[in-house]
Amino acid sequence: MYGSERMPGTKYAKISCMLLKIDPIMALGLVAGVFTTIAFVPQVIRTWRVKSASDLSLAMISLNSTGIFLWLIYGLYTRSLPIIVANLVTFVLIFTVLILAIKYR
């Protein structure tokens, strides 16, 4: 063993347990998270390619980023794997769109 990463009761053990306890409802949540998360990928790609974000609402992106970040915090507190994974990835994508929107304005 290499330290605490394999010891029961550590954060690593808790994450492993969360991953092993995927029931049909959690699977549904994960699938829903995949679809809502990949919805931002075309916008990131388009904004990056055309080097323009003039058609995007900065207020909408800012509010959406804040909401996604709050969902992520909620997911961490409730230890909900689908909420954590979906909102972590979505936050990175929407934050990328926000940065590109500010950069290309």
PDB file of N, CA and C in Angstrom:
ATOM      1  N   MET A   1       0.840  -1.185   0.000  1.00  0.00           N
ATOM      2  CA  MET A   1       0.000   0.000   0.000  1.00  0.00           C
ATOM      3  C   MET A   1       0.878   1.238   0.000  1.00  0.00           C
ATOM      4  N   TYR A   2       0.366   2.278  -0.640  1.00  0.00           N
ATOM      5  CA  TYR A   2       1.108   3.515  -0.789  1.00  0.00           C
ATOM      6  C   TYR A   2       0.444   4.639  -0.017  1.00  0.00           C
ATOM      7  N   GLY A   3       0.265   4.513   1.234  1.00  0.00           N
ATOM      8  CA  GLY A   3      -0.318   5.584   2.025  1.00  0.00           C
ATOM      9  C   GLY A   3      -1.810   5.425   2.176  1.00  0.00           C
ATOM     10  N   SER A   4      -2.494   6.554   2.304  1.00  0.00           N
ATOM     11  CA  SER A   4      -3.922   6.548   2.663  1.00  0.00           C
ATOM     12  C   SER A   4      -4.860   6.292   1.494  1.00  0.00           C
ATOM     13  N   GLU A   5      -4.348   6.236   0.247  1.00  0.00           N
ATOM     14  CA  GLU A   5      -5.255   6.086  -0.879  1.00  0.00           C
ATOM     15  C   GLU A   5      -5.991   4.755  -0.899  1.00  0.00           C
ATOM     16  N   ARG A   6      -5.556   3.771  -0.173  1.00  0.00           N
ATOM     17  CA  ARG A   6      -6.213   2.473  -0.173  1.00  0.00           C
ATOM     18  C   ARG A   6      -6.838   2.130   1.175  1.00  0.00           C
ATOM     19  N   MET A   7      -6.779   3.022   2.123  1.00  0.00           N
ATOM     20  CA  MET A   7      -7.293   2.749   3.461  1.00  0.00           C
ATOM     21  C   MET A   7      -8.788   3.075   3.536  1.00  0.00           C
ATOM     22  N   PRO A   8      -9.570   2.192   4.155  1.00  0.00           N
ATOM     23  CA  PRO A   8     -11.003   2.465   4.315  1.00  0.00           C
ATOM     24  C   PRO A   8     -11.214   3.747   5.107  1.00  0.00           C
ATOM     25  N   GLY A   9     -12.252   4.474   4.736  1.00  0.00           N
ATOM     26  CA  GLY A   9     -12.584   5.700   5.443  1.00  0.00           C
ATOM     27  C   GLY A   9     -11.957   6.942   4.846  1.00  0.00           C
ATOM     28  N   THR A  10     -11.043   6.786   3.913  1.00  0.00           N
ATOM     29  CA  THR A  10     -10.431   7.943   3.284  1.00  0.00           C
ATOM     30  C   THR A  10     -11.327   8.436   2.161  1.00  0.00           C
ATOM     31  N   LYS A  11     -11.037   9.619   1.654  1.00  0.00           N
ATOM     32  CA  LYS A  11     -11.848  10.154   0.567  1.00  0.00           C
ATOM     33  C   LYS A  11     -11.763   9.272  -0.678  1.00  0.00           C
ATOM     34  N   TYR A  12     -10.626   8.607  -0.883  1.00  0.00           N
ATOM     35  CA  TYR A  12     -10.482   7.732  -2.038  1.00  0.00           C
ATOM     36  C   TYR A  12     -11.386   6.510  -1.922  1.00  0.00           C
ATOM     37  N   ALA A  13     -11.495   5.971  -0.721  1.00  0.00           N
ATOM     38  CA  ALA A  13     -12.374   4.826  -0.498  1.00  0.00           C
ATOM     39  C   ALA A  13     -13.827   5.222  -0.701  1.00  0.00           C
ATOM     40  N   LYS A  14     -14.183   6.444  -0.270  1.00  0.00           N
ATOM     41  CA  LYS A  14     -15.567   6.909  -0.420  1.00  0.00           C
ATOM     42  C   LYS A  14     -15.920   7.098  -1.893  1.00  0.00           C
ATOM     43  N   ILE A  15     -14.992   7.646  -2.662  1.00  0.00           N
ATOM     44  CA  ILE A  15     -15.234   7.827  -4.093  1.00  0.00           C
ATOM     45  C   ILE A  15     -15.369   6.467  -4.772  1.00  0.00           C
ATOM     46  N   SER A  16     -14.514   5.516  -4.412  1.00  0.00           N
ATOM     47  CA  SER A  16     -14.597   4.168  -4.978  1.00  0.00           C
ATOM     48  C   SER A  16     -15.943   3.534  -4.677  1.00  0.00           C
ATOM     49  N   CYS A  17     -16.424   3.712  -3.449  1.00  0.00           N
ATOM     50  CA  CYS A  17     -17.732   3.168  -3.077  1.00  0.00           C
ATOM     51  C   CYS A  17     -18.844   3.816  -3.890  1.00  0.00           C
ATOM     52  N   MET A  18     -18.739   5.138  -4.121  1.00  0.00           N
ATOM     53  CA  MET A  18     -19.749   5.828  -4.926  1.00  0.00           C
ATOM     54  C   MET A  18     -19.775   5.256  -6.337  1.00  0.00           C
ATOM     55  N   LEU A  19     -18.617   4.987  -6.905  1.00  0.00           N
ATOM     56  CA  LEU A  19     -18.550   4.478  -8.272  1.00  0.00           C
ATOM     57  C   LEU A  19     -19.082   3.055  -8.377  1.00  0.00           C
ATOM     58  N   LEU A  20     -18.944   2.275  -7.325  1.00  0.00           N
ATOM     59  CA  LEU A  20     -19.405   0.893  -7.352  1.00  0.00           C
ATOM     60  C   LEU A  20     -20.910   0.764  -7.109  1.00  0.00           C
ATOM     61  N   LYS A  21     -21.539   1.798  -6.585  1.00  0.00           N
ATOM     62  CA  LYS A  21     -22.962   1.740  -6.242  1.00  0.00           C
ATOM     63  C   LYS A  21     -23.813   2.439  -7.303  1.00  0.00           C
ATOM     64  N   ILE A  22     -23.628   2.095  -8.547  1.00  0.00           N
ATOM     65  CA  ILE A  22     -24.396   2.723  -9.617  1.00  0.00           C
ATOM     66  C   ILE A  22     -25.641   1.880  -9.881  1.00  0.00           C
ATOM     67  N   ASP A  23     -26.777   2.397  -9.425  1.00  0.00           N
ATOM     68  CA  ASP A  23     -28.052   1.727  -9.650  1.00  0.00           C
ATOM     69  C   ASP A  23     -28.721   2.341 -10.884  1.00  0.00           C
ATOM     70  N   PRO A  24     -29.870   1.838 -11.311  1.00  0.00           N
ATOM     71  CA  PRO A  24     -30.514   2.372 -12.523  1.00  0.00           C
ATOM     72  C   PRO A  24     -30.833   3.867 -12.447  1.00  0.00           C
ATOM     73  N   ILE A  25     -31.222   4.357 -11.278  1.00  0.00           N
ATOM     74  CA  ILE A  25     -31.528   5.789 -11.150  1.00  0.00           C
ATOM     75  C   ILE A  25     -30.255   6.615 -11.289  1.00  0.00           C
ATOM     76  N   MET A  26     -29.171   6.165 -10.684  1.00  0.00           N
ATOM     77  CA  MET A  26     -27.904   6.882 -10.827  1.00  0.00           C
ATOM     78  C   MET A  26     -27.440   6.827 -12.281  1.00  0.00           C
ATOM     79  N   ALA A  27     -27.620   5.688 -12.933  1.00  0.00           N
ATOM     80  CA  ALA A  27     -27.254   5.569 -14.348  1.00  0.00           C
ATOM     81  C   ALA A  27     -28.065   6.559 -15.184  1.00  0.00           C
ATOM     82  N   LEU A  28     -29.346   6.689 -14.874  1.00  0.00           N
ATOM     83  CA  LEU A  28     -30.197   7.671 -15.563  1.00  0.00           C
ATOM     84  C   LEU A  28     -29.648   9.076 -15.367  1.00  0.00           C
ATOM     85  N   GLY A  29     -29.263   9.396 -14.138  1.00  0.00           N
ATOM     86  CA  GLY A  29     -28.686  10.707 -13.848  1.00  0.00           C
ATOM     87  C   GLY A  29     -27.391  10.939 -14.602  1.00  0.00           C
ATOM     88  N   LEU A  30     -26.569   9.921 -14.696  1.00  0.00           N
ATOM     89  CA  LEU A  30     -25.310  10.046 -15.437  1.00  0.00           C
ATOM     90  C   LEU A  30     -25.554  10.258 -16.929  1.00  0.00           C
ATOM     91  N   VAL A  31     -26.507   9.519 -17.485  1.00  0.00           N
ATOM     92  CA  VAL A  31     -26.834   9.687 -18.907  1.00  0.00           C
ATOM     93  C   VAL A  31     -27.398  11.087 -19.162  1.00  0.00           C
ATOM     94  N   ALA A  32     -28.291  11.530 -18.288  1.00  0.00           N
ATOM     95  CA  ALA A  32     -28.838  12.891 -18.422  1.00  0.00           C
ATOM     96  C   ALA A  32     -27.717  13.918 -18.338  1.00  0.00           C
ATOM     97  N   GLY A  33     -26.782  13.699 -17.433  1.00  0.00           N
ATOM     98  CA  GLY A  33     -25.650  14.603 -17.295  1.00  0.00           C
ATOM     99  C   GLY A  33     -24.781  14.639 -18.536  1.00  0.00           C
ATOM    100  N   VAL A  34     -24.598  13.490 -19.169  1.00  0.00           N
ATOM    101  CA  VAL A  34     -23.807  13.438 -20.403  1.00  0.00           C
ATOM    102  C   VAL A  34     -24.465  14.300 -21.484  1.00  0.00           C
ATOM    103  N   PHE A  35     -25.776  14.159 -21.644  1.00  0.00           N
ATOM    104  CA  PHE A  35     -26.465  14.927 -22.688  1.00  0.00           C
ATOM    105  C   PHE A  35     -26.452  16.425 -22.407  1.00  0.00           C
ATOM    106  N   THR A  36     -26.714  16.830 -21.167  1.00  0.00           N
ATOM    107  CA  THR A  36     -26.717  18.264 -20.870  1.00  0.00           C
ATOM    108  C   THR A  36     -25.305  18.840 -20.917  1.00  0.00           C
ATOM    109  N   THR A  37     -24.324  18.020 -20.638  1.00  0.00           N
ATOM    110  CA  THR A  37     -22.938  18.494 -20.678  1.00  0.00           C
ATOM    111  C   THR A  37     -22.448  18.653 -22.109  1.00  0.00           C
ATOM    112  N   ILE A  38     -22.692  17.656 -22.955  1.00  0.00           N
ATOM    113  CA  ILE A  38     -22.192  17.761 -24.330  1.00  0.00           C
ATOM    114  C   ILE A  38     -22.939  18.817 -25.137  1.00  0.00           C
ATOM    115  N   ALA A  39     -24.036  19.311 -24.605  1.00  0.00           N
ATOM    116  CA  ALA A  39     -24.765  20.381 -25.289  1.00  0.00           C
ATOM    117  C   ALA A  39     -23.905  21.642 -25.437  1.00  0.00           C
ATOM    118  N   PHE A  40     -22.924  21.827 -24.568  1.00  0.00           N
ATOM    119  CA  PHE A  40     -22.075  23.014 -24.639  1.00  0.00           C
ATOM    120  C   PHE A  40     -20.878  22.839 -25.563  1.00  0.00           C
ATOM    121  N   VAL A  41     -20.559  21.631 -25.931  1.00  0.00           N
ATOM    122  CA  VAL A  41     -19.379  21.371 -26.760  1.00  0.00           C
ATOM    123  C   VAL A  41     -19.463  22.091 -28.115  1.00  0.00           C
ATOM    124  N   PRO A  42     -20.590  22.022 -28.845  1.00  0.00           N
ATOM    125  CA  PRO A  42     -20.643  22.743 -30.129  1.00  0.00           C
ATOM    126  C   PRO A  42     -20.430  24.249 -29.984  1.00  0.00           C
ATOM    127  N   GLN A  43     -20.912  24.845 -28.887  1.00  0.00           N
ATOM    128  CA  GLN A  43     -20.727  26.282 -28.684  1.00  0.00           C
ATOM    129  C   GLN A  43     -19.264  26.610 -28.414  1.00  0.00           C
ATOM    130  N   VAL A  44     -18.591  25.787 -27.645  1.00  0.00           N
ATOM    131  CA  VAL A  44     -17.165  25.994 -27.383  1.00  0.00           C
ATOM    132  C   VAL A  44     -16.388  25.903 -28.692  1.00  0.00           C
ATOM    133  N   ILE A  45     -16.665  24.880 -29.478  1.00  0.00           N
ATOM    134  CA  ILE A  45     -15.959  24.687 -30.751  1.00  0.00           C
ATOM    135  C   ILE A  45     -16.232  25.845 -31.705  1.00  0.00           C
ATOM    136  N   ARG A  46     -17.498  26.240 -31.818  1.00  0.00           N
ATOM    137  CA  ARG A  46     -17.844  27.329 -32.730  1.00  0.00           C
ATOM    138  C   ARG A  46     -17.185  28.641 -32.319  1.00  0.00           C
ATOM    139  N   THR A  47     -17.252  28.966 -31.033  1.00  0.00           N
ATOM    140  CA  THR A  47     -16.666  30.219 -30.547  1.00  0.00           C
ATOM    141  C   THR A  47     -15.157  30.215 -30.773  1.00  0.00           C
ATOM    142  N   TRP A  48     -14.532  29.070 -30.560  1.00  0.00           N
ATOM    143  CA  TRP A  48     -13.086  28.944 -30.765  1.00  0.00           C
ATOM    144  C   TRP A  48     -12.735  29.102 -32.251  1.00  0.00           C
ATOM    145  N   ARG A  49     -13.503  28.462 -33.122  1.00  0.00           N
ATOM    146  CA  ARG A  49     -13.187  28.474 -34.564  1.00  0.00           C
ATOM    147  C   ARG A  49     -13.388  29.850 -35.200  1.00  0.00           C
ATOM    148  N   VAL A  50     -14.533  30.470 -34.907  1.00  0.00           N
ATOM    149  CA  VAL A  50     -14.827  31.750 -35.569  1.00  0.00           C
ATOM    150  C   VAL A  50     -14.219  32.941 -34.835  1.00  0.00           C
ATOM    151  N   LYS A  51     -13.671  32.692 -33.659  1.00  0.00           N
ATOM    152  CA  LYS A  51     -13.025  33.750 -32.862  1.00  0.00           C
ATOM    153  C   LYS A  51     -13.968  34.924 -32.635  1.00  0.00           C
ATOM    154  N   SER A  52     -15.225  34.570 -32.389  1.00  0.00           N
ATOM    155  CA  SER A  52     -16.233  35.604 -32.144  1.00  0.00           C
ATOM    156  C   SER A  52     -17.294  35.055 -31.203  1.00  0.00           C
ATOM    157  N   ALA A  53     -17.738  35.951 -30.321  1.00  0.00           N
ATOM    158  CA  ALA A  53     -18.820  35.593 -29.407  1.00  0.00           C
ATOM    159  C   ALA A  53     -19.864  36.700 -29.397  1.00  0.00           C
ATOM    160  N   SER A  54     -19.915  37.437 -30.498  1.00  0.00           N
ATOM    161  CA  SER A  54     -20.824  38.585 -30.555  1.00  0.00           C
ATOM    162  C   SER A  54     -22.293  38.191 -30.485  1.00  0.00           C
ATOM    163  N   ASP A  55     -22.617  36.961 -30.881  1.00  0.00           N
ATOM    164  CA  ASP A  55     -24.006  36.525 -30.854  1.00  0.00           C
ATOM    165  C   ASP A  55     -24.391  35.852 -29.531  1.00  0.00           C
ATOM    166  N   LEU A  56     -23.472  35.839 -28.564  1.00  0.00           N
ATOM    167  CA  LEU A  56     -23.759  35.227 -27.269  1.00  0.00           C
ATOM    168  C   LEU A  56     -24.090  36.289 -26.223  1.00  0.00           C
ATOM    169  N   SER A  57     -25.013  35.975 -25.363  1.00  0.00           N
ATOM    170  CA  SER A  57     -25.364  36.873 -24.271  1.00  0.00           C
ATOM    171  C   SER A  57     -24.402  36.628 -23.109  1.00  0.00           C
ATOM    172  N   LEU A  58     -23.603  37.635 -22.795  1.00  0.00           N
ATOM    173  CA  LEU A  58     -22.657  37.518 -21.696  1.00  0.00           C
ATOM    174  C   LEU A  58     -23.388  37.326 -20.364  1.00  0.00           C
ATOM    175  N   ALA A  59     -24.536  37.962 -20.221  1.00  0.00           N
ATOM    176  CA  ALA A  59     -25.329  37.813 -18.992  1.00  0.00           C
ATOM    177  C   ALA A  59     -25.816  36.371 -18.836  1.00  0.00           C
ATOM    178  N   MET A  60     -26.298  35.757 -19.918  1.00  0.00           N
ATOM    179  CA  MET A  60     -26.766  34.375 -19.864  1.00  0.00           C
ATOM    180  C   MET A  60     -25.628  33.431 -19.513  1.00  0.00           C
ATOM    181  N   ILE A  61     -24.468  33.625 -20.133  1.00  0.00           N
ATOM    182  CA  ILE A  61     -23.331  32.761 -19.864  1.00  0.00           C
ATOM    183  C   ILE A  61     -22.874  32.910 -18.411  1.00  0.00           C
ATOM    184  N   SER A  62     -22.841  34.135 -17.916  1.00  0.00           N
ATOM    185  CA  SER A  62     -22.436  34.388 -16.530  1.00  0.00           C
ATOM    186  C   SER A  62     -23.406  33.751 -15.544  1.00  0.00           C
ATOM    187  N   LEU A  63     -24.701  33.934 -15.777  1.00  0.00           N
ATOM    188  CA  LEU A  63     -25.713  33.347 -14.886  1.00  0.00           C
ATOM    189  C   LEU A  63     -25.670  31.818 -14.946  1.00  0.00           C
ATOM    190  N   ASN A  64     -25.521  31.291 -16.142  1.00  0.00           N
ATOM    191  CA  ASN A  64     -25.450  29.841 -16.298  1.00  0.00           C
ATOM    192  C   ASN A  64     -24.213  29.282 -15.596  1.00  0.00           C
ATOM    193  N   SER A  65     -23.075  29.936 -15.733  1.00  0.00           N
ATOM    194  CA  SER A  65     -21.850  29.502 -15.060  1.00  0.00           C
ATOM    195  C   SER A  65     -22.036  29.479 -13.547  1.00  0.00           C
ATOM    196  N   THR A  66     -22.657  30.513 -13.022  1.00  0.00           N
ATOM    197  CA  THR A  66     -22.903  30.585 -11.586  1.00  0.00           C
ATOM    198  C   THR A  66     -23.820  29.456 -11.138  1.00  0.00           C
ATOM    199  N   GLY A  67     -24.893  29.220 -11.887  1.00  0.00           N
ATOM    200  CA  GLY A  67     -25.819  28.146 -11.547  1.00  0.00           C
ATOM    201  C   GLY A  67     -25.162  26.781 -11.596  1.00  0.00           C
ATOM    202  N   ILE A  68     -24.362  26.534 -12.611  1.00  0.00           N
ATOM    203  CA  ILE A  68     -23.654  25.256 -12.745  1.00  0.00           C
ATOM    204  C   ILE A  68     -22.693  25.066 -11.576  1.00  0.00           C
ATOM    205  N   PHE A  69     -21.984  26.133 -11.208  1.00  0.00           N
ATOM    206  CA  PHE A  69     -21.050  26.056 -10.087  1.00  0.00           C
ATOM    207  C   PHE A  69     -21.789  25.742  -8.781  1.00  0.00           C
ATOM    208  N   LEU A  70     -22.941  26.365  -8.576  1.00  0.00           N
ATOM    209  CA  LEU A  70     -23.738  26.084  -7.372  1.00  0.00           C
ATOM    210  C   LEU A  70     -24.260  24.650  -7.370  1.00  0.00           C
ATOM    211  N   TRP A  71     -24.672  24.143  -8.529  1.00  0.00           N
ATOM    212  CA  TRP A  71     -25.083  22.734  -8.630  1.00  0.00           C
ATOM    213  C   TRP A  71     -23.920  21.812  -8.278  1.00  0.00           C
ATOM    214  N   LEU A  72     -22.720  22.177  -8.708  1.00  0.00           N
ATOM    215  CA  LEU A  72     -21.535  21.379  -8.391  1.00  0.00           C
ATOM    216  C   LEU A  72     -21.318  21.321  -6.878  1.00  0.00           C
ATOM    217  N   ILE A  73     -21.417  22.461  -6.216  1.00  0.00           N
ATOM    218  CA  ILE A  73     -21.267  22.499  -4.761  1.00  0.00           C
ATOM    219  C   ILE A  73     -22.353  21.648  -4.102  1.00  0.00           C
ATOM    220  N   TYR A  74     -23.585  21.775  -4.579  1.00  0.00           N
ATOM    221  CA  TYR A  74     -24.688  20.965  -4.054  1.00  0.00           C
ATOM    222  C   TYR A  74     -24.384  19.472  -4.218  1.00  0.00           C
ATOM    223  N   GLY A  75     -23.918  19.089  -5.382  1.00  0.00           N
ATOM    224  CA  GLY A  75     -23.587  17.696  -5.634  1.00  0.00           C
ATOM    225  C   GLY A  75     -22.497  17.181  -4.714  1.00  0.00           C
ATOM    226  N   LEU A  76     -21.502  18.029  -4.435  1.00  0.00           N
ATOM    227  CA  LEU A  76     -20.440  17.631  -3.519  1.00  0.00           C
ATOM    228  C   LEU A  76     -20.983  17.423  -2.104  1.00  0.00           C
ATOM    229  N   TYR A  77     -21.843  18.325  -1.657  1.00  0.00           N
ATOM    230  CA  TYR A  77     -22.407  18.192  -0.310  1.00  0.00           C
ATOM    231  C   TYR A  77     -23.336  16.990  -0.178  1.00  0.00           C
ATOM    232  N   THR A  78     -24.077  16.689  -1.244  1.00  0.00           N
ATOM    233  CA  THR A  78     -25.002  15.557  -1.183  1.00  0.00           C
ATOM    234  C   THR A  78     -24.357  14.257  -1.649  1.00  0.00           C
ATOM    235  N   ARG A  79     -23.121  14.353  -2.136  1.00  0.00           N
ATOM    236  CA  ARG A  79     -22.370  13.196  -2.637  1.00  0.00           C
ATOM    237  C   ARG A  79     -23.114  12.470  -3.759  1.00  0.00           C
ATOM    238  N   SER A  80     -23.662  13.268  -4.652  1.00  0.00           N
ATOM    239  CA  SER A  80     -24.390  12.720  -5.795  1.00  0.00           C
ATOM    240  C   SER A  80     -23.457  12.675  -7.003  1.00  0.00           C
ATOM    241  N   LEU A  81     -23.017  11.489  -7.343  1.00  0.00           N
ATOM    242  CA  LEU A  81     -22.063  11.322  -8.437  1.00  0.00           C
ATOM    243  C   LEU A  81     -22.550  11.927  -9.757  1.00  0.00           C
ATOM    244  N   PRO A  82     -23.817  11.682 -10.186  1.00  0.00           N
ATOM    245  CA  PRO A  82     -24.252  12.279 -11.457  1.00  0.00           C
ATOM    246  C   PRO A  82     -24.198  13.803 -11.442  1.00  0.00           C
ATOM    247  N   ILE A  83     -24.589  14.410 -10.339  1.00  0.00           N
ATOM    248  CA  ILE A  83     -24.577  15.874 -10.250  1.00  0.00           C
ATOM    249  C   ILE A  83     -23.149  16.391 -10.236  1.00  0.00           C
ATOM    250  N   ILE A  84     -22.267  15.719  -9.522  1.00  0.00           N
ATOM    251  CA  ILE A  84     -20.867  16.154  -9.450  1.00  0.00           C
ATOM    252  C   ILE A  84     -20.212  16.073 -10.823  1.00  0.00           C
ATOM    253  N   VAL A  85     -20.301  14.916 -11.463  1.00  0.00           N
ATOM    254  CA  VAL A  85     -19.619  14.714 -12.745  1.00  0.00           C
ATOM    255  C   VAL A  85     -20.176  15.648 -13.818  1.00  0.00           C
ATOM    256  N   ALA A  86     -21.494  15.664 -13.958  1.00  0.00           N
ATOM    257  CA  ALA A  86     -22.103  16.480 -15.012  1.00  0.00           C
ATOM    258  C   ALA A  86     -21.793  17.958 -14.826  1.00  0.00           C
ATOM    259  N   ASN A  87     -21.904  18.448 -13.615  1.00  0.00           N
ATOM    260  CA  ASN A  87     -21.707  19.874 -13.403  1.00  0.00           C
ATOM    261  C   ASN A  87     -20.249  20.280 -13.385  1.00  0.00           C
ATOM    262  N   LEU A  88     -19.357  19.383 -13.022  1.00  0.00           N
ATOM    263  CA  LEU A  88     -17.940  19.697 -13.098  1.00  0.00           C
ATOM    264  C   LEU A  88     -17.517  19.881 -14.554  1.00  0.00           C
ATOM    265  N   VAL A  89     -17.885  18.931 -15.397  1.00  0.00           N
ATOM    266  CA  VAL A  89     -17.528  19.025 -16.816  1.00  0.00           C
ATOM    267  C   VAL A  89     -18.258  20.195 -17.483  1.00  0.00           C
ATOM    268  N   THR A  90     -19.542  20.360 -17.172  1.00  0.00           N
ATOM    269  CA  THR A  90     -20.311  21.464 -17.752  1.00  0.00           C
ATOM    270  C   THR A  90     -19.737  22.803 -17.328  1.00  0.00           C
ATOM    271  N   PHE A  91     -19.324  22.913 -16.064  1.00  0.00           N
ATOM    272  CA  PHE A  91     -18.734  24.173 -15.599  1.00  0.00           C
ATOM    273  C   PHE A  91     -17.468  24.500 -16.380  1.00  0.00           C
ATOM    274  N   VAL A  92     -16.630  23.509 -16.610  1.00  0.00           N
ATOM    275  CA  VAL A  92     -15.402  23.743 -17.386  1.00  0.00           C
ATOM    276  C   VAL A  92     -15.763  24.227 -18.793  1.00  0.00           C
ATOM    277  N   LEU A  93     -16.753  23.589 -19.416  1.00  0.00           N
ATOM    278  CA  LEU A  93     -17.148  23.983 -20.774  1.00  0.00           C
ATOM    279  C   LEU A  93     -17.768  25.377 -20.811  1.00  0.00           C
ATOM    280  N   ILE A  94     -18.714  25.654 -19.924  1.00  0.00           N
ATOM    281  CA  ILE A  94     -19.389  26.961 -19.954  1.00  0.00           C
ATOM    282  C   ILE A  94     -18.430  28.072 -19.525  1.00  0.00           C
ATOM    283  N   PHE A  95     -17.506  27.748 -18.618  1.00  0.00           N
ATOM    284  CA  PHE A  95     -16.506  28.735 -18.223  1.00  0.00           C
ATOM    285  C   PHE A  95     -15.570  29.030 -19.396  1.00  0.00           C
ATOM    286  N   THR A  96     -15.270  28.004 -20.187  1.00  0.00           N
ATOM    287  CA  THR A  96     -14.469  28.203 -21.390  1.00  0.00           C
ATOM    288  C   THR A  96     -15.187  29.130 -22.364  1.00  0.00           C
ATOM    289  N   VAL A  97     -16.488  28.909 -22.548  1.00  0.00           N
ATOM    290  CA  VAL A  97     -17.280  29.796 -23.414  1.00  0.00           C
ATOM    291  C   VAL A  97     -17.264  31.218 -22.852  1.00  0.00           C
ATOM    292  N   LEU A  98     -17.385  31.361 -21.546  1.00  0.00           N
ATOM    293  CA  LEU A  98     -17.361  32.690 -20.918  1.00  0.00           C
ATOM    294  C   LEU A  98     -16.022  33.389 -21.176  1.00  0.00           C
ATOM    295  N   ILE A  99     -14.937  32.689 -20.986  1.00  0.00           N
ATOM    296  CA  ILE A  99     -13.611  33.271 -21.233  1.00  0.00           C
ATOM    297  C   ILE A  99     -13.465  33.661 -22.698  1.00  0.00           C
ATOM    298  N   LEU A 100     -13.889  32.766 -23.611  1.00  0.00           N
ATOM    299  CA  LEU A 100     -13.806  33.086 -25.042  1.00  0.00           C
ATOM    300  C   LEU A 100     -14.701  34.272 -25.395  1.00  0.00           C
ATOM    301  N   ALA A 101     -15.874  34.349 -24.781  1.00  0.00           N
ATOM    302  CA  ALA A 101     -16.789  35.464 -25.054  1.00  0.00           C
ATOM    303  C   ALA A 101     -16.167  36.788 -24.612  1.00  0.00           C
ATOM    304  N   ILE A 102     -15.507  36.782 -23.488  1.00  0.00           N
ATOM    305  CA  ILE A 102     -14.841  38.001 -23.015  1.00  0.00           C
ATOM    306  C   ILE A 102     -13.636  38.328 -23.910  1.00  0.00           C
ATOM    307  N   LYS A 103     -12.893  37.323 -24.274  1.00  0.00           N
ATOM    308  CA  LYS A 103     -11.689  37.514 -25.107  1.00  0.00           C
ATOM    309  C   LYS A 103     -12.034  38.037 -26.500  1.00  0.00           C
ATOM    310  N   TYR A 104     -13.089  37.494 -27.115  1.00  0.00           N
ATOM    311  CA  TYR A 104     -13.413  37.831 -28.499  1.00  0.00           C
ATOM    312  C   TYR A 104     -14.438  38.942 -28.652  1.00  0.00           C
ATOM    313  N   ARG A 105     -14.804  39.622 -27.609  1.00  0.00           N
ATOM    314  CA  ARG A 105     -15.758  40.743 -27.711  1.00  0.00           C
ATOM    315  C   ARG A 105     -15.084  41.978 -28.207  1.00  0.00           C
TER     316      ARG A 105
END
